[in-house]
Amino acid sequence: MRTPISALCVVAAVLSSAGPARAEWLLTPFAGVTAGGRTGYFDPDGAASRSKPAFGVAVTKAWGRFAVEGEVAGVPGFFTAGEGGLITSSSLLSVSGNAIITQPLGGLTPYAVAGIGAIRVRMQDTADVFSVSEWQPVLNVGGGLLVPVTGRVSVRGDVRYRFSRRGDGVGSTIGFGTTYVDFWRVSAGLAFAF
């Protein structure tokens, strides 16, 4: 019985220190790069491990130190190595819902984020033998920093690790065991408050 009471006391202390519960919306278009990519999909050119551009937009609703976020992001060419590669076109598209906890420090606002969603893996090869188009469940964890520029605009820097489930590639023409996609994403954008 002591553990649940202790947990309730900790939750009450955190919530009481959160400040006023004023809701605020943020719209954040962002751009960045991937790093440390790993995959179980057929990747003959080793393209997944190379840095690729990433783009997206996040909509966040904040109440004091706590927030929820919806994010859509894409990585064009994730499995594409360029001219002469076996994979001629590819992309990742992710949609996720995230929970955010912030800790304001002076004028800066560092935060931690975690969420769940889905990622669409798409690739096309020259012979149409290893082509894939399927959705995978995905988790993400990370953190970042909000730096105010004006009363309504902030610069947002963010690092997240995304990892999909391990499973059979149901959308694959041919499979080579477990299919998954994991990668880091480093991004920056402007957060507009409204």
C-alpha atoms as a PDB file:
ATOM      1  CA  MET A   1       0.000   0.000   0.000  1.00  0.00           C
ATOM      2  CA  ARG A   2       2.927   2.336   0.658  1.00  0.00           C
ATOM      3  CA  THR A   3       4.093   2.262  -3.035  1.00  0.00           C
ATOM      4  CA  PRO A   4       0.793   3.565  -4.550  1.00  0.00           C
ATOM      5  CA  ILE A   5       0.626   6.383  -1.956  1.00  0.00           C
ATOM      6  CA  SER A   6       4.246   7.355  -2.670  1.00  0.00           C
ATOM      7  CA  ALA A   7       3.540   7.330  -6.406  1.00  0.00           C
ATOM      8  CA  LEU A   8       0.477   9.558  -5.909  1.00  0.00           C
ATOM      9  CA  CYS A   9       2.539  12.006  -3.845  1.00  0.00           C
ATOM     10  CA  VAL A  10       5.197  12.207  -6.584  1.00  0.00           C
ATOM     11  CA  VAL A  11       2.556  12.770  -9.288  1.00  0.00           C
ATOM     12  CA  ALA A  12       0.874  15.473  -7.181  1.00  0.00           C
ATOM     13  CA  ALA A  13       4.210  17.230  -6.610  1.00  0.00           C
ATOM     14  CA  VAL A  14       5.052  17.208 -10.322  1.00  0.00           C
ATOM     15  CA  LEU A  15       1.602  18.481 -11.312  1.00  0.00           C
ATOM     16  CA  SER A  16       1.632  21.224  -8.680  1.00  0.00           C
ATOM     17  CA  SER A  17       4.988  22.488  -9.978  1.00  0.00           C
ATOM     18  CA  ALA A  18       3.790  22.590 -13.582  1.00  0.00           C
ATOM     19  CA  GLY A  19       2.647  26.191 -13.430  1.00  0.00           C
ATOM     20  CA  PRO A  20      -0.584  27.537 -14.894  1.00  0.00           C
ATOM     21  CA  ALA A  21      -2.482  25.208 -17.213  1.00  0.00           C
ATOM     22  CA  ARG A  22      -2.681  27.689 -20.088  1.00  0.00           C
ATOM     23  CA  ALA A  23      -3.092  25.782 -23.338  1.00  0.00           C
ATOM     24  CA  GLU A  24      -0.926  26.828 -26.266  1.00  0.00           C
ATOM     25  CA  TRP A  25      -0.729  25.489 -29.807  1.00  0.00           C
ATOM     26  CA  LEU A  26       2.550  25.224 -31.738  1.00  0.00           C
ATOM     27  CA  LEU A  27       2.964  24.601 -35.464  1.00  0.00           C
ATOM     28  CA  THR A  28       6.507  23.433 -36.313  1.00  0.00           C
ATOM     29  CA  PRO A  29       7.683  22.739 -39.853  1.00  0.00           C
ATOM     30  CA  PHE A  30      11.134  21.139 -39.680  1.00  0.00           C
ATOM     31  CA  ALA A  31      13.988  19.698 -41.733  1.00  0.00           C
ATOM     32  CA  GLY A  32      16.881  17.476 -40.767  1.00  0.00           C
ATOM     33  CA  VAL A  33      18.892  14.361 -41.522  1.00  0.00           C
ATOM     34  CA  THR A  34      18.810  10.700 -40.570  1.00  0.00           C
ATOM     35  CA  ALA A  35      21.768   8.872 -39.056  1.00  0.00           C
ATOM     36  CA  GLY A  36      22.625   5.351 -37.915  1.00  0.00           C
ATOM     37  CA  GLY A  37      19.914   3.692 -40.002  1.00  0.00           C
ATOM     38  CA  ARG A  38      19.467  -0.074 -39.766  1.00  0.00           C
ATOM     39  CA  THR A  39      17.000  -2.283 -41.567  1.00  0.00           C
ATOM     40  CA  GLY A  40      15.894  -5.850 -42.131  1.00  0.00           C
ATOM     41  CA  TYR A  41      14.564  -4.988 -45.585  1.00  0.00           C
ATOM     42  CA  PHE A  42      16.601  -5.861 -48.674  1.00  0.00           C
ATOM     43  CA  ASP A  43      19.216  -3.077 -48.883  1.00  0.00           C
ATOM     44  CA  PRO A  44      21.836  -4.208 -51.408  1.00  0.00           C
ATOM     45  CA  ASP A  45      23.513  -0.799 -51.640  1.00  0.00           C
ATOM     46  CA  GLY A  46      23.738  -0.196 -47.868  1.00  0.00           C
ATOM     47  CA  ALA A  47      21.768   3.032 -48.351  1.00  0.00           C
ATOM     48  CA  ALA A  48      19.800   2.855 -45.075  1.00  0.00           C
ATOM     49  CA  SER A  49      22.940   3.496 -43.014  1.00  0.00           C
ATOM     50  CA  ARG A  50      23.764   6.704 -44.912  1.00  0.00           C
ATOM     51  CA  SER A  51      22.465  10.129 -43.878  1.00  0.00           C
ATOM     52  CA  LYS A  52      19.308  11.153 -45.752  1.00  0.00           C
ATOM     53  CA  PRO A  53      17.256  14.371 -45.691  1.00  0.00           C
ATOM     54  CA  ALA A  54      14.111  14.359 -43.548  1.00  0.00           C
ATOM     55  CA  PHE A  55      11.201  16.805 -43.613  1.00  0.00           C
ATOM     56  CA  GLY A  56       7.987  17.149 -41.677  1.00  0.00           C
ATOM     57  CA  VAL A  57       5.540  19.142 -39.630  1.00  0.00           C
ATOM     58  CA  ALA A  58       4.397  18.819 -36.018  1.00  0.00           C
ATOM     59  CA  VAL A  59       1.339  20.271 -34.299  1.00  0.00           C
ATOM     60  CA  THR A  60       1.625  20.494 -30.524  1.00  0.00           C
ATOM     61  CA  LYS A  61      -0.846  21.436 -27.795  1.00  0.00           C
ATOM     62  CA  ALA A  62       0.833  22.362 -24.507  1.00  0.00           C
ATOM     63  CA  TRP A  63      -0.515  22.794 -20.977  1.00  0.00           C
ATOM     64  CA  GLY A  64       2.261  24.177 -18.820  1.00  0.00           C
ATOM     65  CA  ARG A  65       5.033  21.545 -18.748  1.00  0.00           C
ATOM     66  CA  PHE A  66       3.011  18.859 -20.524  1.00  0.00           C
ATOM     67  CA  ALA A  67       2.086  18.565 -24.198  1.00  0.00           C
ATOM     68  CA  VAL A  68       0.735  16.224 -26.845  1.00  0.00           C
ATOM     69  CA  GLU A  69       1.963  16.282 -30.423  1.00  0.00           C
ATOM     70  CA  GLY A  70       0.914  14.960 -33.799  1.00  0.00           C
ATOM     71  CA  GLU A  71       3.694  14.632 -36.364  1.00  0.00           C
ATOM     72  CA  VAL A  72       3.974  13.710 -40.048  1.00  0.00           C
ATOM     73  CA  ALA A  73       7.490  13.234 -41.446  1.00  0.00           C
ATOM     74  CA  GLY A  74       9.089  11.877 -44.589  1.00  0.00           C
ATOM     75  CA  VAL A  75      12.506  10.597 -45.630  1.00  0.00           C
ATOM     76  CA  PRO A  76      12.861  10.477 -49.423  1.00  0.00           C
ATOM     77  CA  GLY A  77      15.411   8.025 -50.822  1.00  0.00           C
ATOM     78  CA  PHE A  78      15.988   6.090 -47.592  1.00  0.00           C
ATOM     79  CA  PHE A  79      16.966   2.900 -49.487  1.00  0.00           C
ATOM     80  CA  THR A  80      18.283   4.658 -52.610  1.00  0.00           C
ATOM     81  CA  ALA A  81      22.051   4.954 -53.052  1.00  0.00           C
ATOM     82  CA  GLY A  82      21.985   7.030 -56.247  1.00  0.00           C
ATOM     83  CA  GLU A  83      23.043   6.354 -59.820  1.00  0.00           C
ATOM     84  CA  GLY A  84      23.772   2.711 -60.563  1.00  0.00           C
ATOM     85  CA  GLY A  85      22.050   1.365 -57.448  1.00  0.00           C
ATOM     86  CA  LEU A  86      19.635  -1.557 -57.557  1.00  0.00           C
ATOM     87  CA  ILE A  87      16.910   0.366 -55.651  1.00  0.00           C
ATOM     88  CA  THR A  88      15.676   3.100 -58.018  1.00  0.00           C
ATOM     89  CA  SER A  89      13.243   4.905 -55.676  1.00  0.00           C
ATOM     90  CA  SER A  90      12.291   4.671 -52.021  1.00  0.00           C
ATOM     91  CA  SER A  91      10.856   6.628 -49.129  1.00  0.00           C
ATOM     92  CA  LEU A  92       9.669   6.481 -45.532  1.00  0.00           C
ATOM     93  CA  LEU A  93       6.547   8.280 -44.329  1.00  0.00           C
ATOM     94  CA  SER A  94       5.765   8.322 -40.603  1.00  0.00           C
ATOM     95  CA  VAL A  95       2.719   9.472 -38.668  1.00  0.00           C
ATOM     96  CA  SER A  96       2.928   9.572 -34.873  1.00  0.00           C
ATOM     97  CA  GLY A  97       1.273  10.800 -31.703  1.00  0.00           C
ATOM     98  CA  ASN A  98       3.675  11.846 -28.956  1.00  0.00           C
ATOM     99  CA  ALA A  99       3.728  12.923 -25.316  1.00  0.00           C
ATOM    100  CA  ILE A 100       6.124  15.716 -24.305  1.00  0.00           C
ATOM    101  CA  ILE A 101       7.382  16.827 -20.880  1.00  0.00           C
ATOM    102  CA  THR A 102       9.255  20.139 -20.646  1.00  0.00           C
ATOM    103  CA  GLN A 103      11.449  21.704 -17.967  1.00  0.00           C
ATOM    104  CA  PRO A 104      11.857  25.456 -18.536  1.00  0.00           C
ATOM    105  CA  LEU A 105      15.337  26.739 -17.582  1.00  0.00           C
ATOM    106  CA  GLY A 106      15.539  30.496 -17.798  1.00  0.00           C
ATOM    107  CA  GLY A 107      14.574  31.393 -21.348  1.00  0.00           C
ATOM    108  CA  LEU A 108      15.254  27.904 -22.721  1.00  0.00           C
ATOM    109  CA  THR A 109      12.872  24.951 -22.707  1.00  0.00           C
ATOM    110  CA  PRO A 110      14.440  21.480 -22.932  1.00  0.00           C
ATOM    111  CA  TYR A 111      12.002  18.603 -23.374  1.00  0.00           C
ATOM    112  CA  ALA A 112      11.712  14.822 -23.535  1.00  0.00           C
ATOM    113  CA  VAL A 113       9.392  13.137 -26.037  1.00  0.00           C
ATOM    114  CA  ALA A 114       8.064   9.625 -26.631  1.00  0.00           C
ATOM    115  CA  GLY A 115       5.361   8.355 -28.926  1.00  0.00           C
ATOM    116  CA  ILE A 116       3.810   5.690 -31.092  1.00  0.00           C
ATOM    117  CA  GLY A 117       2.652   5.642 -34.669  1.00  0.00           C
ATOM    118  CA  ALA A 118       3.113   3.996 -38.042  1.00  0.00           C
ATOM    119  CA  ILE A 119       5.737   4.173 -40.769  1.00  0.00           C
ATOM    120  CA  ARG A 120       5.173   3.460 -44.457  1.00  0.00           C
ATOM    121  CA  VAL A 121       8.131   1.734 -46.096  1.00  0.00           C
ATOM    122  CA  ARG A 122       8.231   2.028 -49.880  1.00  0.00           C
ATOM    123  CA  MET A 123      10.915   0.936 -52.327  1.00  0.00           C
ATOM    124  CA  GLN A 124      11.119   0.094 -56.019  1.00  0.00           C
ATOM    125  CA  ASP A 125      13.983  -1.772 -57.691  1.00  0.00           C
ATOM    126  CA  THR A 126      15.057  -1.937 -61.324  1.00  0.00           C
ATOM    127  CA  ALA A 127      13.556  -5.409 -61.943  1.00  0.00           C
ATOM    128  CA  ASP A 128      10.507  -4.984 -59.668  1.00  0.00           C
ATOM    129  CA  VAL A 129      11.560  -8.089 -57.715  1.00  0.00           C
ATOM    130  CA  PHE A 130      12.285  -6.605 -54.268  1.00  0.00           C
ATOM    131  CA  SER A 131       9.635  -3.875 -54.311  1.00  0.00           C
ATOM    132  CA  VAL A 132       7.945  -3.083 -50.993  1.00  0.00           C
ATOM    133  CA  SER A 133       5.007  -0.918 -49.950  1.00  0.00           C
ATOM    134  CA  GLU A 134       3.796  -1.578 -46.407  1.00  0.00           C
ATOM    135  CA  TRP A 135       3.025   0.044 -43.058  1.00  0.00           C
ATOM    136  CA  GLN A 136       4.835  -0.905 -39.834  1.00  0.00           C
ATOM    137  CA  PRO A 137       4.066   0.136 -36.233  1.00  0.00           C
ATOM    138  CA  VAL A 138       6.797   2.456 -34.953  1.00  0.00           C
ATOM    139  CA  LEU A 139       7.923   3.895 -31.598  1.00  0.00           C
ATOM    140  CA  ASN A 140      10.046   7.004 -31.088  1.00  0.00           C
ATOM    141  CA  VAL A 141      11.924   8.517 -28.153  1.00  0.00           C
ATOM    142  CA  GLY A 142      14.091  11.593 -27.904  1.00  0.00           C
ATOM    143  CA  GLY A 143      14.454  15.121 -26.720  1.00  0.00           C
ATOM    144  CA  GLY A 144      15.039  18.636 -27.814  1.00  0.00           C
ATOM    145  CA  LEU A 145      15.241  22.300 -27.000  1.00  0.00           C
ATOM    146  CA  LEU A 146      12.962  25.294 -27.661  1.00  0.00           C
ATOM    147  CA  VAL A 147      14.724  28.674 -27.866  1.00  0.00           C
ATOM    148  CA  PRO A 148      12.423  31.722 -28.066  1.00  0.00           C
ATOM    149  CA  VAL A 149      13.104  34.264 -30.804  1.00  0.00           C
ATOM    150  CA  THR A 150      10.021  36.470 -30.359  1.00  0.00           C
ATOM    151  CA  GLY A 151       6.876  36.193 -28.264  1.00  0.00           C
ATOM    152  CA  ARG A 152       5.296  33.834 -30.802  1.00  0.00           C
ATOM    153  CA  VAL A 153       8.265  32.225 -32.603  1.00  0.00           C
ATOM    154  CA  SER A 154      10.860  29.793 -31.274  1.00  0.00           C
ATOM    155  CA  VAL A 155      13.666  27.769 -32.805  1.00  0.00           C
ATOM    156  CA  ARG A 156      13.236  24.062 -32.085  1.00  0.00           C
ATOM    157  CA  GLY A 157      16.069  21.533 -32.208  1.00  0.00           C
ATOM    158  CA  ASP A 158      15.220  17.866 -31.870  1.00  0.00           C
ATOM    159  CA  VAL A 159      16.875  14.416 -31.768  1.00  0.00           C
ATOM    160  CA  ARG A 160      14.704  11.286 -31.984  1.00  0.00           C
ATOM    161  CA  TYR A 161      15.275   7.580 -32.377  1.00  0.00           C
ATOM    162  CA  ARG A 162      12.614   5.704 -34.350  1.00  0.00           C
ATOM    163  CA  PHE A 163      12.315   1.930 -34.308  1.00  0.00           C
ATOM    164  CA  SER A 164       9.686  -0.239 -35.965  1.00  0.00           C
ATOM    165  CA  ARG A 165       8.393  -3.654 -34.993  1.00  0.00           C
ATOM    166  CA  ARG A 166      10.249  -6.771 -36.067  1.00  0.00           C
ATOM    167  CA  GLY A 167       8.048  -8.888 -38.300  1.00  0.00           C
ATOM    168  CA  ASP A 168       7.441 -10.547 -41.628  1.00  0.00           C
ATOM    169  CA  GLY A 169       7.190  -8.208 -44.599  1.00  0.00           C
ATOM    170  CA  VAL A 170       3.635  -8.868 -45.746  1.00  0.00           C
ATOM    171  CA  GLY A 171       3.880  -6.281 -48.537  1.00  0.00           C
ATOM    172  CA  SER A 172       7.160  -7.613 -49.931  1.00  0.00           C
ATOM    173  CA  THR A 173       7.359  -9.511 -53.217  1.00  0.00           C
ATOM    174  CA  ILE A 174      10.253 -11.455 -51.749  1.00  0.00           C
ATOM    175  CA  GLY A 175      11.413 -11.542 -48.144  1.00  0.00           C
ATOM    176  CA  PHE A 176      14.701 -12.140 -46.381  1.00  0.00           C
ATOM    177  CA  GLY A 177      13.530 -12.705 -42.817  1.00  0.00           C
ATOM    178  CA  THR A 178      12.669 -10.014 -40.302  1.00  0.00           C
ATOM    179  CA  THR A 179      11.658  -6.616 -41.657  1.00  0.00           C
ATOM    180  CA  TYR A 180      12.218  -3.440 -39.657  1.00  0.00           C
ATOM    181  CA  VAL A 181      13.507   0.130 -39.927  1.00  0.00           C
ATOM    182  CA  ASP A 182      15.457   1.942 -37.165  1.00  0.00           C
ATOM    183  CA  PHE A 183      17.170   5.320 -37.421  1.00  0.00           C
ATOM    184  CA  TRP A 184      18.092   8.534 -35.619  1.00  0.00           C
ATOM    185  CA  ARG A 185      16.690  11.819 -36.861  1.00  0.00           C
ATOM    186  CA  VAL A 186      18.296  15.187 -36.050  1.00  0.00           C
ATOM    187  CA  SER A 187      16.133  18.147 -37.057  1.00  0.00           C
ATOM    188  CA  ALA A 188      15.502  21.839 -36.543  1.00  0.00           C
ATOM    189  CA  GLY A 189      12.565  24.074 -37.321  1.00  0.00           C
ATOM    190  CA  LEU A 190      10.611  27.171 -36.391  1.00  0.00           C
ATOM    191  CA  ALA A 191       7.806  26.722 -33.859  1.00  0.00           C
ATOM    192  CA  PHE A 192       4.935  29.199 -34.327  1.00  0.00           C
ATOM    193  CA  ALA A 193       2.661  29.689 -31.299  1.00  0.00           C
ATOM    194  CA  PHE A 194      -1.034  30.445 -31.846  1.00  0.00           C
END
